[in-house]
Amino acid sequence: MNLQQLPPWNYAYGSPSGTGEIRHLPEDFIVEETLAFEPSGSGEHIFLQIQKTGENTEFVARQLARFAGVRQRDIGYAGLKDRHAVTTQWFSVWLPKGDEPNWQDFSTPSIQILLVTRHARKLKRGVLANNRFEITVKNWQGDKEKTIEQLTQLQRHGVPNYYGSQRFGHGGQNVMKAAAMFAGEKVGREQRSLYLSAARSFLFNEILATRIEQNCWNQGLAGDVLMIDGSHSCFAAEEIDDDLRARLTQNLLHPTGALFGSGVTRISAKALELEQTVFEKYPDLTAGLLKFDVENARRALRIQAANLMWEFKDTQTLVLKFNLPAGSYATAVLREIIAL
């Protein structure tokens, strides 16, 4: 496989209508996560809601372990958050016995403790209801009328659920490293997981881009596996009848794409043919994923940017606010209107 850079994956609503800077300052990219449950207030795990500026999640987790005198594996968090941003997220620390430290002593100019509570279980990855974004695009230039039209389309019809470029490394290098690993190059356990994820994500984005090209990314195909909005529950649809078509139009259901791997898949007919056409282009990636015995899964091709709002503060400043489900990328929204 020879990948010099990531492909220009297709846009759902025409090419981006403007340009601008999205991370001029950390305060221009604000993220706040909402847990999928309410901490109980009691238990062996301390839950900390932390606001961090210019710090990545794993760095804060390491610092927490050192501060609390616990092992790295005793720290939990629900998801990785951007470094070049102001982010609010939860961490858990397993402290079943002994004195509890003064958590405010952990605060620094870039890390603030907002809330402290307890829960019976460690915070696990992915246990989020959603992430709330507030993004300020500075030095914006473009077609304002077209931008508003595209935002309205995103609001009504949904967002292509592409994996963001950070998943693939600079220029897609993680995908190339996955191919090298599949060819026999030795890597560490942490890198192996990163490269496997990059390979699967790349194939998913290729499926999504193909379905956008064929104008069926937000419409069902015969044999599709459909996901119920707001959940990970899926079911196979041999045919797309009027009822399913209506639910797809109302954003109550979403078509899914493969996260390639081994095991039985429920997709069939036209939807399966489309995915197989994509897989045939990248035999080194599919064979490698099977070799590493990665289990197949499904991911929604479309998501909703809930509560999407926008405001032009002035002629060169655009502010966007929206919620996305866990595992989705703000750049999936931004790339439709801003040339990133």
C-alpha atoms as a PDB file:
ATOM      1  CA  MET A   1       0.000   0.000   0.000  1.00  0.00           C
ATOM      2  CA  ASN A   2       1.346   3.401  -1.005  1.00  0.00           C
ATOM      3  CA  LEU A   3      -0.475   6.241   0.742  1.00  0.00           C
ATOM      4  CA  GLN A   4       1.209   9.645   0.457  1.00  0.00           C
ATOM      5  CA  GLN A   5      -1.683  11.507   2.054  1.00  0.00           C
ATOM      6  CA  LEU A   6      -5.266  10.914   3.074  1.00  0.00           C
ATOM      7  CA  PRO A   7      -7.797  10.855   0.220  1.00  0.00           C
ATOM      8  CA  PRO A   8     -10.064  13.892  -0.259  1.00  0.00           C
ATOM      9  CA  TRP A   9     -13.119  12.033   1.039  1.00  0.00           C
ATOM     10  CA  ASN A  10     -16.392  13.230  -0.465  1.00  0.00           C
ATOM     11  CA  TYR A  11     -18.465  16.003   1.065  1.00  0.00           C
ATOM     12  CA  ALA A  12     -22.205  15.560   1.609  1.00  0.00           C
ATOM     13  CA  TYR A  13     -23.292  19.137   0.905  1.00  0.00           C
ATOM     14  CA  GLY A  14     -20.891  20.394  -1.732  1.00  0.00           C
ATOM     15  CA  SER A  15     -17.346  21.638  -1.234  1.00  0.00           C
ATOM     16  CA  PRO A  16     -16.513  23.778   1.835  1.00  0.00           C
ATOM     17  CA  SER A  17     -17.808  27.313   1.485  1.00  0.00           C
ATOM     18  CA  GLY A  18     -15.133  29.089   3.543  1.00  0.00           C
ATOM     19  CA  THR A  19     -11.729  29.075   5.172  1.00  0.00           C
ATOM     20  CA  GLY A  20     -10.588  29.990   8.668  1.00  0.00           C
ATOM     21  CA  GLU A  21      -8.575  29.104  11.776  1.00  0.00           C
ATOM     22  CA  ILE A  22     -10.167  26.798  14.347  1.00  0.00           C
ATOM     23  CA  ARG A  23      -7.455  26.613  17.025  1.00  0.00           C
ATOM     24  CA  HIS A  24      -5.969  30.094  17.161  1.00  0.00           C
ATOM     25  CA  LEU A  25      -6.240  29.858  20.962  1.00  0.00           C
ATOM     26  CA  PRO A  26      -7.306  26.946  23.215  1.00  0.00           C
ATOM     27  CA  GLU A  27     -10.394  28.989  24.136  1.00  0.00           C
ATOM     28  CA  ASP A  28     -11.507  28.792  20.496  1.00  0.00           C
ATOM     29  CA  PHE A  29     -12.173  25.048  20.867  1.00  0.00           C
ATOM     30  CA  ILE A  30     -14.264  24.205  23.940  1.00  0.00           C
ATOM     31  CA  VAL A  31     -15.426  20.658  24.671  1.00  0.00           C
ATOM     32  CA  GLU A  32     -17.513  19.404  27.591  1.00  0.00           C
ATOM     33  CA  GLU A  33     -18.370  15.747  28.016  1.00  0.00           C
ATOM     34  CA  THR A  34     -21.571  14.448  29.571  1.00  0.00           C
ATOM     35  CA  LEU A  35     -21.450  11.032  31.229  1.00  0.00           C
ATOM     36  CA  ALA A  36     -24.037   8.422  30.337  1.00  0.00           C
ATOM     37  CA  PHE A  37     -24.836   7.992  34.043  1.00  0.00           C
ATOM     38  CA  GLU A  38     -24.869   9.989  37.273  1.00  0.00           C
ATOM     39  CA  PRO A  39     -22.137   9.079  39.794  1.00  0.00           C
ATOM     40  CA  SER A  40     -23.814   7.587  42.866  1.00  0.00           C
ATOM     41  CA  GLY A  41     -21.884   9.620  45.428  1.00  0.00           C
ATOM     42  CA  SER A  42     -20.466   6.570  47.201  1.00  0.00           C
ATOM     43  CA  GLY A  43     -18.026   3.787  46.402  1.00  0.00           C
ATOM     44  CA  GLU A  44     -14.312   3.014  46.083  1.00  0.00           C
ATOM     45  CA  HIS A  45     -13.667   5.263  43.056  1.00  0.00           C
ATOM     46  CA  ILE A  46     -13.199   9.023  43.311  1.00  0.00           C
ATOM     47  CA  PHE A  47     -14.808  10.789  40.339  1.00  0.00           C
ATOM     48  CA  LEU A  48     -13.225  14.126  39.382  1.00  0.00           C
ATOM     49  CA  GLN A  49     -14.632  16.556  36.872  1.00  0.00           C
ATOM     50  CA  ILE A  50     -11.619  18.421  35.534  1.00  0.00           C
ATOM     51  CA  GLN A  51     -11.282  21.374  33.198  1.00  0.00           C
ATOM     52  CA  LYS A  52      -7.956  21.392  31.383  1.00  0.00           C
ATOM     53  CA  THR A  53      -6.413  23.888  28.974  1.00  0.00           C
ATOM     54  CA  GLY A  54      -3.690  22.865  26.552  1.00  0.00           C
ATOM     55  CA  GLU A  55      -3.195  19.449  28.170  1.00  0.00           C
ATOM     56  CA  ASN A  56      -3.959  16.017  26.754  1.00  0.00           C
ATOM     57  CA  THR A  57      -5.985  13.393  28.593  1.00  0.00           C
ATOM     58  CA  GLU A  58      -3.226  10.843  29.070  1.00  0.00           C
ATOM     59  CA  PHE A  59      -0.877  13.447  30.580  1.00  0.00           C
ATOM     60  CA  VAL A  60      -3.517  14.408  33.158  1.00  0.00           C
ATOM     61  CA  ALA A  61      -4.150  10.720  33.925  1.00  0.00           C
ATOM     62  CA  ARG A  62      -0.438  10.141  34.584  1.00  0.00           C
ATOM     63  CA  GLN A  63      -0.238  13.210  36.804  1.00  0.00           C
ATOM     64  CA  LEU A  64      -3.322  12.069  38.724  1.00  0.00           C
ATOM     65  CA  ALA A  65      -1.789   8.639  39.362  1.00  0.00           C
ATOM     66  CA  ARG A  66       1.394  10.233  40.667  1.00  0.00           C
ATOM     67  CA  PHE A  67      -0.497  12.742  42.825  1.00  0.00           C
ATOM     68  CA  ALA A  68      -2.785  10.095  44.357  1.00  0.00           C
ATOM     69  CA  GLY A  69      -0.013   7.504  44.746  1.00  0.00           C
ATOM     70  CA  VAL A  70      -1.808   4.872  42.701  1.00  0.00           C
ATOM     71  CA  ARG A  71      -1.007   2.780  39.636  1.00  0.00           C
ATOM     72  CA  GLN A  72      -1.704   4.135  36.171  1.00  0.00           C
ATOM     73  CA  ARG A  73      -4.313   1.399  35.624  1.00  0.00           C
ATOM     74  CA  ASP A  74      -6.269   2.678  38.652  1.00  0.00           C
ATOM     75  CA  ILE A  75      -7.118   5.848  36.705  1.00  0.00           C
ATOM     76  CA  GLY A  76     -10.167   5.828  34.452  1.00  0.00           C
ATOM     77  CA  TYR A  77     -11.554   8.219  31.866  1.00  0.00           C
ATOM     78  CA  ALA A  78     -14.348   8.000  29.334  1.00  0.00           C
ATOM     79  CA  GLY A  79     -12.581   9.409  26.298  1.00  0.00           C
ATOM     80  CA  LEU A  80      -9.542  11.188  24.916  1.00  0.00           C
ATOM     81  CA  LYS A  81      -9.917  14.931  24.505  1.00  0.00           C
ATOM     82  CA  ASP A  82      -8.051  17.407  22.338  1.00  0.00           C
ATOM     83  CA  ARG A  83      -4.915  18.970  23.731  1.00  0.00           C
ATOM     84  CA  HIS A  84      -5.207  22.296  21.914  1.00  0.00           C
ATOM     85  CA  ALA A  85      -8.527  23.146  23.527  1.00  0.00           C
ATOM     86  CA  VAL A  86     -10.348  23.907  26.763  1.00  0.00           C
ATOM     87  CA  THR A  87     -11.925  20.607  27.719  1.00  0.00           C
ATOM     88  CA  THR A  88     -14.056  19.466  30.637  1.00  0.00           C
ATOM     89  CA  GLN A  89     -14.019  15.743  31.317  1.00  0.00           C
ATOM     90  CA  TRP A  90     -14.322  13.155  34.075  1.00  0.00           C
ATOM     91  CA  PHE A  91     -11.590  10.993  35.575  1.00  0.00           C
ATOM     92  CA  SER A  92     -11.861   8.247  38.199  1.00  0.00           C
ATOM     93  CA  VAL A  93      -9.243   7.257  40.788  1.00  0.00           C
ATOM     94  CA  TRP A  94      -9.460   3.959  42.685  1.00  0.00           C
ATOM     95  CA  LEU A  95      -8.964   4.769  46.367  1.00  0.00           C
ATOM     96  CA  PRO A  96     -10.697   2.063  48.440  1.00  0.00           C
ATOM     97  CA  LYS A  97      -8.685   2.727  51.595  1.00  0.00           C
ATOM     98  CA  GLY A  98      -6.511   5.338  53.247  1.00  0.00           C
ATOM     99  CA  ASP A  99      -6.659   9.094  53.430  1.00  0.00           C
ATOM    100  CA  GLU A 100      -8.051  10.999  50.505  1.00  0.00           C
ATOM    101  CA  PRO A 101      -5.772  13.799  49.240  1.00  0.00           C
ATOM    102  CA  ASN A 102      -6.863  17.394  48.995  1.00  0.00           C
ATOM    103  CA  TRP A 103      -7.824  17.399  45.334  1.00  0.00           C
ATOM    104  CA  GLN A 104      -7.601  21.171  45.029  1.00  0.00           C
ATOM    105  CA  ASP A 105      -3.838  20.766  45.530  1.00  0.00           C
ATOM    106  CA  PHE A 106      -3.813  19.049  42.144  1.00  0.00           C
ATOM    107  CA  SER A 107      -4.954  22.254  40.438  1.00  0.00           C
ATOM    108  CA  THR A 108      -2.530  24.200  38.245  1.00  0.00           C
ATOM    109  CA  PRO A 109      -2.978  27.184  35.910  1.00  0.00           C
ATOM    110  CA  SER A 110      -3.946  24.677  33.180  1.00  0.00           C
ATOM    111  CA  ILE A 111      -5.870  22.124  35.289  1.00  0.00           C
ATOM    112  CA  GLN A 112      -8.838  22.915  37.539  1.00  0.00           C
ATOM    113  CA  ILE A 113     -10.895  20.541  39.687  1.00  0.00           C
ATOM    114  CA  LEU A 114     -14.583  21.412  39.222  1.00  0.00           C
ATOM    115  CA  LEU A 115     -16.385  18.604  41.075  1.00  0.00           C
ATOM    116  CA  VAL A 116     -15.458  15.679  43.322  1.00  0.00           C
ATOM    117  CA  THR A 117     -17.759  12.733  44.040  1.00  0.00           C
ATOM    118  CA  ARG A 118     -17.623   8.933  44.327  1.00  0.00           C
ATOM    119  CA  HIS A 119     -18.929   5.901  42.459  1.00  0.00           C
ATOM    120  CA  ALA A 120     -18.809   2.130  42.869  1.00  0.00           C
ATOM    121  CA  ARG A 121     -17.069   1.383  39.562  1.00  0.00           C
ATOM    122  CA  LYS A 122     -14.139   2.651  37.546  1.00  0.00           C
ATOM    123  CA  LEU A 123     -14.930   5.037  34.712  1.00  0.00           C
ATOM    124  CA  LYS A 124     -14.709   3.054  31.465  1.00  0.00           C
ATOM    125  CA  ARG A 125     -13.903   4.233  27.969  1.00  0.00           C
ATOM    126  CA  GLY A 126     -16.862   5.263  25.862  1.00  0.00           C
ATOM    127  CA  VAL A 127     -19.349   5.642  28.715  1.00  0.00           C
ATOM    128  CA  LEU A 128     -20.517   9.044  27.487  1.00  0.00           C
ATOM    129  CA  ALA A 129     -23.892  10.469  26.551  1.00  0.00           C
ATOM    130  CA  ASN A 130     -22.347  13.084  24.270  1.00  0.00           C
ATOM    131  CA  ASN A 131     -19.769  15.820  23.884  1.00  0.00           C
ATOM    132  CA  ARG A 132     -20.756  19.475  23.727  1.00  0.00           C
ATOM    133  CA  PHE A 133     -18.658  21.698  21.447  1.00  0.00           C
ATOM    134  CA  GLU A 134     -18.289  25.462  21.155  1.00  0.00           C
ATOM    135  CA  ILE A 135     -15.920  26.310  18.321  1.00  0.00           C
ATOM    136  CA  THR A 136     -14.830  29.775  17.242  1.00  0.00           C
ATOM    137  CA  VAL A 137     -13.618  30.019  13.648  1.00  0.00           C
ATOM    138  CA  LYS A 138     -11.372  33.072  13.339  1.00  0.00           C
ATOM    139  CA  ASN A 139     -10.198  34.821  10.180  1.00  0.00           C
ATOM    140  CA  TRP A 140     -13.199  33.298   8.424  1.00  0.00           C
ATOM    141  CA  GLN A 141     -13.579  34.128   4.768  1.00  0.00           C
ATOM    142  CA  GLY A 142     -16.092  32.690   2.383  1.00  0.00           C
ATOM    143  CA  ASP A 143     -19.613  32.639   1.036  1.00  0.00           C
ATOM    144  CA  LYS A 144     -21.826  33.428   4.014  1.00  0.00           C
ATOM    145  CA  GLU A 145     -25.071  32.556   2.258  1.00  0.00           C
ATOM    146  CA  LYS A 146     -23.736  29.156   1.153  1.00  0.00           C
ATOM    147  CA  THR A 147     -22.294  28.489   4.627  1.00  0.00           C
ATOM    148  CA  ILE A 148     -25.684  29.101   6.246  1.00  0.00           C
ATOM    149  CA  GLU A 149     -27.318  26.865   3.642  1.00  0.00           C
ATOM    150  CA  GLN A 150     -24.846  24.055   4.379  1.00  0.00           C
ATOM    151  CA  LEU A 151     -25.297  24.438   8.138  1.00  0.00           C
ATOM    152  CA  THR A 152     -29.057  24.242   7.652  1.00  0.00           C
ATOM    153  CA  GLN A 153     -28.608  21.031   5.668  1.00  0.00           C
ATOM    154  CA  LEU A 154     -26.393  19.575   8.415  1.00  0.00           C
ATOM    155  CA  GLN A 155     -29.025  20.545  10.963  1.00  0.00           C
ATOM    156  CA  ARG A 156     -31.849  18.894   9.036  1.00  0.00           C
ATOM    157  CA  HIS A 157     -30.278  15.885   7.373  1.00  0.00           C
ATOM    158  CA  GLY A 158     -27.309  14.954   9.534  1.00  0.00           C
ATOM    159  CA  VAL A 159     -23.528  14.788   9.369  1.00  0.00           C
ATOM    160  CA  PRO A 160     -21.316  12.194   7.634  1.00  0.00           C
ATOM    161  CA  ASN A 161     -19.747  10.309  10.534  1.00  0.00           C
ATOM    162  CA  TYR A 162     -16.165  10.389   9.234  1.00  0.00           C
ATOM    163  CA  TYR A 163     -13.260   9.583  11.503  1.00  0.00           C
ATOM    164  CA  GLY A 164     -11.140  12.697  11.973  1.00  0.00           C
ATOM    165  CA  SER A 165      -7.672  13.078  10.479  1.00  0.00           C
ATOM    166  CA  GLN A 166      -6.079  12.771  13.948  1.00  0.00           C
ATOM    167  CA  ARG A 167      -7.097   9.103  13.850  1.00  0.00           C
ATOM    168  CA  PHE A 168      -4.692   8.495  10.980  1.00  0.00           C
ATOM    169  CA  GLY A 169      -1.620  10.479  12.007  1.00  0.00           C
ATOM    170  CA  HIS A 170       0.092  13.115   9.877  1.00  0.00           C
ATOM    171  CA  GLY A 171      -0.596  12.421   6.215  1.00  0.00           C
ATOM    172  CA  GLY A 172      -2.163   9.068   7.064  1.00  0.00           C
ATOM    173  CA  GLN A 173       1.090   7.645   8.446  1.00  0.00           C
ATOM    174  CA  ASN A 174      -0.734   5.374  10.911  1.00  0.00           C
ATOM    175  CA  VAL A 175      -2.413   3.588   8.007  1.00  0.00           C
ATOM    176  CA  MET A 176       0.958   3.079   6.325  1.00  0.00           C
ATOM    177  CA  LYS A 177       2.399   1.796   9.593  1.00  0.00           C
ATOM    178  CA  ALA A 178      -0.536  -0.605   9.866  1.00  0.00           C
ATOM    179  CA  ALA A 179       0.304  -1.945   6.403  1.00  0.00           C
ATOM    180  CA  ALA A 180       3.962  -2.321   7.440  1.00  0.00           C
ATOM    181  CA  MET A 181       2.883  -4.138  10.612  1.00  0.00           C
ATOM    182  CA  PHE A 182       0.705  -6.481   8.560  1.00  0.00           C
ATOM    183  CA  ALA A 183       3.753  -7.153   6.353  1.00  0.00           C
ATOM    184  CA  GLY A 184       5.703  -8.328   9.387  1.00  0.00           C
ATOM    185  CA  GLU A 185       7.215  -5.243  11.003  1.00  0.00           C
ATOM    186  CA  LYS A 186       7.339  -5.588  14.811  1.00  0.00           C
ATOM    187  CA  VAL A 187       5.581  -2.957  16.931  1.00  0.00           C
ATOM    188  CA  GLY A 188       4.672  -2.516  20.598  1.00  0.00           C
ATOM    189  CA  ARG A 189       1.247  -3.330  22.024  1.00  0.00           C
ATOM    190  CA  GLU A 190       0.139   0.315  22.264  1.00  0.00           C
ATOM    191  CA  GLN A 191       1.207   1.063  18.692  1.00  0.00           C
ATOM    192  CA  ARG A 192      -0.459  -2.135  17.474  1.00  0.00           C
ATOM    193  CA  SER A 193      -3.825  -1.006  18.823  1.00  0.00           C
ATOM    194  CA  LEU A 194      -3.350   2.447  17.274  1.00  0.00           C
ATOM    195  CA  TYR A 195      -2.508   1.037  13.850  1.00  0.00           C
ATOM    196  CA  LEU A 196      -5.343  -1.501  13.869  1.00  0.00           C
ATOM    197  CA  SER A 197      -7.802   1.280  14.675  1.00  0.00           C
ATOM    198  CA  ALA A 198      -6.351   3.459  11.909  1.00  0.00           C
ATOM    199  CA  ALA A 199      -6.736   0.674   9.325  1.00  0.00           C
ATOM    200  CA  ARG A 200     -10.363  -0.029  10.269  1.00  0.00           C
ATOM    201  CA  SER A 201     -11.197   3.675  10.386  1.00  0.00           C
ATOM    202  CA  PHE A 202      -9.647   4.221   6.955  1.00  0.00           C
ATOM    203  CA  LEU A 203     -11.786   1.472   5.430  1.00  0.00           C
ATOM    204  CA  PHE A 204     -14.884   2.880   7.130  1.00  0.00           C
ATOM    205  CA  ASN A 205     -14.210   6.368   5.719  1.00  0.00           C
ATOM    206  CA  GLU A 206     -13.761   4.824   2.269  1.00  0.00           C
ATOM    207  CA  ILE A 207     -17.172   3.144   2.582  1.00  0.00           C
ATOM    208  CA  LEU A 208     -18.795   6.381   3.708  1.00  0.00           C
ATOM    209  CA  ALA A 209     -17.177   8.388   0.885  1.00  0.00           C
ATOM    210  CA  THR A 210     -18.407   5.806  -1.638  1.00  0.00           C
ATOM    211  CA  ARG A 211     -21.946   5.962  -0.307  1.00  0.00           C
ATOM    212  CA  ILE A 212     -21.886   9.769  -0.414  1.00  0.00           C
ATOM    213  CA  GLU A 213     -20.738   9.544  -4.039  1.00  0.00           C
ATOM    214  CA  GLN A 214     -23.654   7.206  -4.771  1.00  0.00           C
ATOM    215  CA  ASN A 215     -26.077   9.407  -2.789  1.00  0.00           C
ATOM    216  CA  CYS A 216     -27.030   6.657  -0.342  1.00  0.00           C
ATOM    217  CA  TRP A 217     -25.056   7.559   2.793  1.00  0.00           C
ATOM    218  CA  ASN A 218     -28.202   8.731   4.610  1.00  0.00           C
ATOM    219  CA  GLN A 219     -30.599   6.444   2.782  1.00  0.00           C
ATOM    220  CA  GLY A 220     -30.989   2.720   3.152  1.00  0.00           C
ATOM    221  CA  LEU A 221     -29.856   0.088   0.692  1.00  0.00           C
ATOM    222  CA  ALA A 222     -31.244  -3.412   0.414  1.00  0.00           C
ATOM    223  CA  GLY A 223     -29.385  -5.567   2.906  1.00  0.00           C
ATOM    224  CA  ASP A 224     -28.296  -2.663   5.093  1.00  0.00           C
ATOM    225  CA  VAL A 225     -27.725  -2.924   8.819  1.00  0.00           C
ATOM    226  CA  LEU A 226     -29.508   0.059  10.354  1.00  0.00           C
ATOM    227  CA  MET A 227     -28.715   1.671  13.704  1.00  0.00           C
ATOM    228  CA  ILE A 228     -31.367   3.195  15.965  1.00  0.00           C
ATOM    229  CA  ASP A 229     -30.601   6.844  16.690  1.00  0.00           C
ATOM    230  CA  GLY A 230     -29.194   7.495  20.149  1.00  0.00           C
ATOM    231  CA  SER A 231     -28.107   3.893  20.662  1.00  0.00           C
ATOM    232  CA  HIS A 232     -25.788   1.211  19.313  1.00  0.00           C
ATOM    233  CA  SER A 233     -28.701  -1.156  18.637  1.00  0.00           C
ATOM    234  CA  CYS A 234     -28.762  -2.433  15.056  1.00  0.00           C
ATOM    235  CA  PHE A 235     -30.946  -4.641  12.897  1.00  0.00           C
ATOM    236  CA  ALA A 236     -30.689  -5.997   9.375  1.00  0.00           C
ATOM    237  CA  ALA A 237     -33.102  -4.821   6.687  1.00  0.00           C
ATOM    238  CA  GLU A 238     -33.435  -7.076   3.647  1.00  0.00           C
ATOM    239  CA  GLU A 239     -35.432  -4.347   1.914  1.00  0.00           C
ATOM    240  CA  ILE A 240     -36.055  -0.665   2.648  1.00  0.00           C
ATOM    241  CA  ASP A 241     -39.832  -0.375   2.833  1.00  0.00           C
ATOM    242  CA  ASP A 242     -41.850   2.822   3.219  1.00  0.00           C
ATOM    243  CA  ASP A 243     -41.761   2.651   7.019  1.00  0.00           C
ATOM    244  CA  LEU A 244     -37.974   2.317   7.175  1.00  0.00           C
ATOM    245  CA  ARG A 245     -37.558   5.020   4.529  1.00  0.00           C
ATOM    246  CA  ALA A 246     -39.667   7.394   6.607  1.00  0.00           C
ATOM    247  CA  ARG A 247     -37.693   6.662   9.771  1.00  0.00           C
ATOM    248  CA  LEU A 248     -34.428   7.252   7.889  1.00  0.00           C
ATOM    249  CA  THR A 249     -35.753  10.570   6.586  1.00  0.00           C
ATOM    250  CA  GLN A 250     -36.694  11.580  10.147  1.00  0.00           C
ATOM    251  CA  ASN A 251     -33.173  10.724  11.410  1.00  0.00           C
ATOM    252  CA  LEU A 252     -34.604   8.003  13.648  1.00  0.00           C
ATOM    253  CA  LEU A 253     -32.484   5.366  11.909  1.00  0.00           C
ATOM    254  CA  HIS A 254     -29.047   5.560  10.305  1.00  0.00           C
ATOM    255  CA  PRO A 255     -27.329   3.293   7.786  1.00  0.00           C
ATOM    256  CA  THR A 256     -24.112   1.730   9.074  1.00  0.00           C
ATOM    257  CA  GLY A 257     -20.709   0.945   7.619  1.00  0.00           C
ATOM    258  CA  ALA A 258     -18.306  -1.841   8.469  1.00  0.00           C
ATOM    259  CA  LEU A 259     -15.535  -1.665  11.010  1.00  0.00           C
ATOM    260  CA  PHE A 260     -13.797  -4.496   9.213  1.00  0.00           C
ATOM    261  CA  GLY A 261     -12.876  -7.694  11.015  1.00  0.00           C
ATOM    262  CA  SER A 262     -13.599 -11.381  11.375  1.00  0.00           C
ATOM    263  CA  GLY A 263     -16.910 -12.920  12.344  1.00  0.00           C
ATOM    264  CA  VAL A 264     -20.418 -13.104  10.951  1.00  0.00           C
ATOM    265  CA  THR A 265     -21.815  -9.913   9.482  1.00  0.00           C
ATOM    266  CA  ARG A 266     -25.518  -9.260   9.012  1.00  0.00           C
ATOM    267  CA  ILE A 267     -25.137  -7.029   5.961  1.00  0.00           C
ATOM    268  CA  SER A 268     -26.233  -8.479   2.604  1.00  0.00           C
ATOM    269  CA  ALA A 269     -27.433  -7.732  -0.933  1.00  0.00           C
ATOM    270  CA  LYS A 270     -26.571  -4.292  -2.421  1.00  0.00           C
ATOM    271  CA  ALA A 271     -25.105  -2.934   0.794  1.00  0.00           C
ATOM    272  CA  LEU A 272     -22.715  -5.881   1.037  1.00  0.00           C
ATOM    273  CA  GLU A 273     -21.715  -5.562  -2.622  1.00  0.00           C
ATOM    274  CA  LEU A 274     -20.770  -1.924  -2.081  1.00  0.00           C
ATOM    275  CA  GLU A 275     -18.605  -2.690   0.944  1.00  0.00           C
ATOM    276  CA  GLN A 276     -16.895  -5.609  -0.773  1.00  0.00           C
ATOM    277  CA  THR A 277     -16.000  -3.308  -3.671  1.00  0.00           C
ATOM    278  CA  VAL A 278     -14.199  -1.036  -1.195  1.00  0.00           C
ATOM    279  CA  PHE A 279     -12.453  -3.928   0.581  1.00  0.00           C
ATOM    280  CA  GLU A 280     -11.157  -5.306  -2.726  1.00  0.00           C
ATOM    281  CA  LYS A 281      -9.174  -2.071  -3.230  1.00  0.00           C
ATOM    282  CA  TYR A 282      -7.191  -2.645  -0.018  1.00  0.00           C
ATOM    283  CA  PRO A 283      -6.412  -6.366   0.256  1.00  0.00           C
ATOM    284  CA  ASP A 284      -3.334  -5.725   2.420  1.00  0.00           C
ATOM    285  CA  LEU A 285      -5.446  -3.968   5.068  1.00  0.00           C
ATOM    286  CA  THR A 286      -8.283  -6.501   5.094  1.00  0.00           C
ATOM    287  CA  ALA A 287      -5.930  -9.495   5.157  1.00  0.00           C
ATOM    288  CA  GLY A 288      -3.906  -7.885   7.941  1.00  0.00           C
ATOM    289  CA  LEU A 289      -6.954  -7.199  10.078  1.00  0.00           C
ATOM    290  CA  LEU A 290      -8.094 -10.797   9.666  1.00  0.00           C
ATOM    291  CA  LYS A 291      -4.596 -11.992  10.573  1.00  0.00           C
ATOM    292  CA  PHE A 292      -4.762 -10.027  13.828  1.00  0.00           C
ATOM    293  CA  ASP A 293      -8.232 -11.488  14.484  1.00  0.00           C
ATOM    294  CA  VAL A 294      -9.984  -8.145  14.914  1.00  0.00           C
ATOM    295  CA  GLU A 295     -13.735  -8.676  15.351  1.00  0.00           C
ATOM    296  CA  ASN A 296     -16.068  -6.861  12.972  1.00  0.00           C
ATOM    297  CA  ALA A 297     -18.512  -4.195  14.156  1.00  0.00           C
ATOM    298  CA  ARG A 298     -20.806  -1.546  12.697  1.00  0.00           C
ATOM    299  CA  ARG A 299     -20.668   2.257  12.928  1.00  0.00           C
ATOM    300  CA  ALA A 300     -23.374   4.722  11.919  1.00  0.00           C
ATOM    301  CA  LEU A 301     -22.650   6.436   8.603  1.00  0.00           C
ATOM    302  CA  ARG A 302     -24.639   9.450   9.779  1.00  0.00           C
ATOM    303  CA  ILE A 303     -24.886  11.310  13.073  1.00  0.00           C
ATOM    304  CA  GLN A 304     -26.900  14.272  14.225  1.00  0.00           C
ATOM    305  CA  ALA A 305     -25.231  17.459  15.394  1.00  0.00           C
ATOM    306  CA  ALA A 306     -27.831  18.007  18.101  1.00  0.00           C
ATOM    307  CA  ASN A 307     -28.678  21.572  19.097  1.00  0.00           C
ATOM    308  CA  LEU A 308     -26.591  22.921  16.217  1.00  0.00           C
ATOM    309  CA  MET A 309     -26.435  26.724  16.362  1.00  0.00           C
ATOM    310  CA  TRP A 310     -24.272  29.263  14.581  1.00  0.00           C
ATOM    311  CA  GLU A 311     -23.564  32.968  14.794  1.00  0.00           C
ATOM    312  CA  PHE A 312     -21.383  35.331  12.788  1.00  0.00           C
ATOM    313  CA  LYS A 313     -19.925  37.543  15.502  1.00  0.00           C
ATOM    314  CA  ASP A 314     -18.481  39.791  12.812  1.00  0.00           C
ATOM    315  CA  THR A 315     -17.415  39.412   9.188  1.00  0.00           C
ATOM    316  CA  GLN A 316     -14.440  37.207  10.143  1.00  0.00           C
ATOM    317  CA  THR A 317     -15.653  35.298  13.217  1.00  0.00           C
ATOM    318  CA  LEU A 318     -18.044  32.339  13.109  1.00  0.00           C
ATOM    319  CA  VAL A 319     -19.125  30.595  16.333  1.00  0.00           C
ATOM    320  CA  LEU A 320     -20.597  27.080  16.203  1.00  0.00           C
ATOM    321  CA  LYS A 321     -22.264  25.154  19.031  1.00  0.00           C
ATOM    322  CA  PHE A 322     -23.446  21.540  18.825  1.00  0.00           C
ATOM    323  CA  ASN A 323     -23.562  18.160  20.567  1.00  0.00           C
ATOM    324  CA  LEU A 324     -22.135  14.956  19.103  1.00  0.00           C
ATOM    325  CA  PRO A 325     -22.416  11.361  20.310  1.00  0.00           C
ATOM    326  CA  ALA A 326     -19.349   9.729  21.841  1.00  0.00           C
ATOM    327  CA  GLY A 327     -16.820   8.544  19.268  1.00  0.00           C
ATOM    328  CA  SER A 328     -17.692  11.177  16.679  1.00  0.00           C
ATOM    329  CA  TYR A 329     -15.493  14.053  15.579  1.00  0.00           C
ATOM    330  CA  ALA A 330     -16.187  17.787  15.515  1.00  0.00           C
ATOM    331  CA  THR A 331     -14.102  17.964  12.344  1.00  0.00           C
ATOM    332  CA  ALA A 332     -16.827  15.914  10.624  1.00  0.00           C
ATOM    333  CA  VAL A 333     -19.049  18.977  11.010  1.00  0.00           C
ATOM    334  CA  LEU A 334     -16.353  21.553  10.336  1.00  0.00           C
ATOM    335  CA  ARG A 335     -15.016  19.932   7.152  1.00  0.00           C
ATOM    336  CA  GLU A 336     -18.382  20.402   5.439  1.00  0.00           C
ATOM    337  CA  ILE A 337     -18.130  24.199   5.699  1.00  0.00           C
ATOM    338  CA  ILE A 338     -14.440  24.998   6.302  1.00  0.00           C
ATOM    339  CA  ALA A 339     -11.493  23.914   4.159  1.00  0.00           C
ATOM    340  CA  LEU A 340      -9.363  22.333   6.884  1.00  0.00           C
END
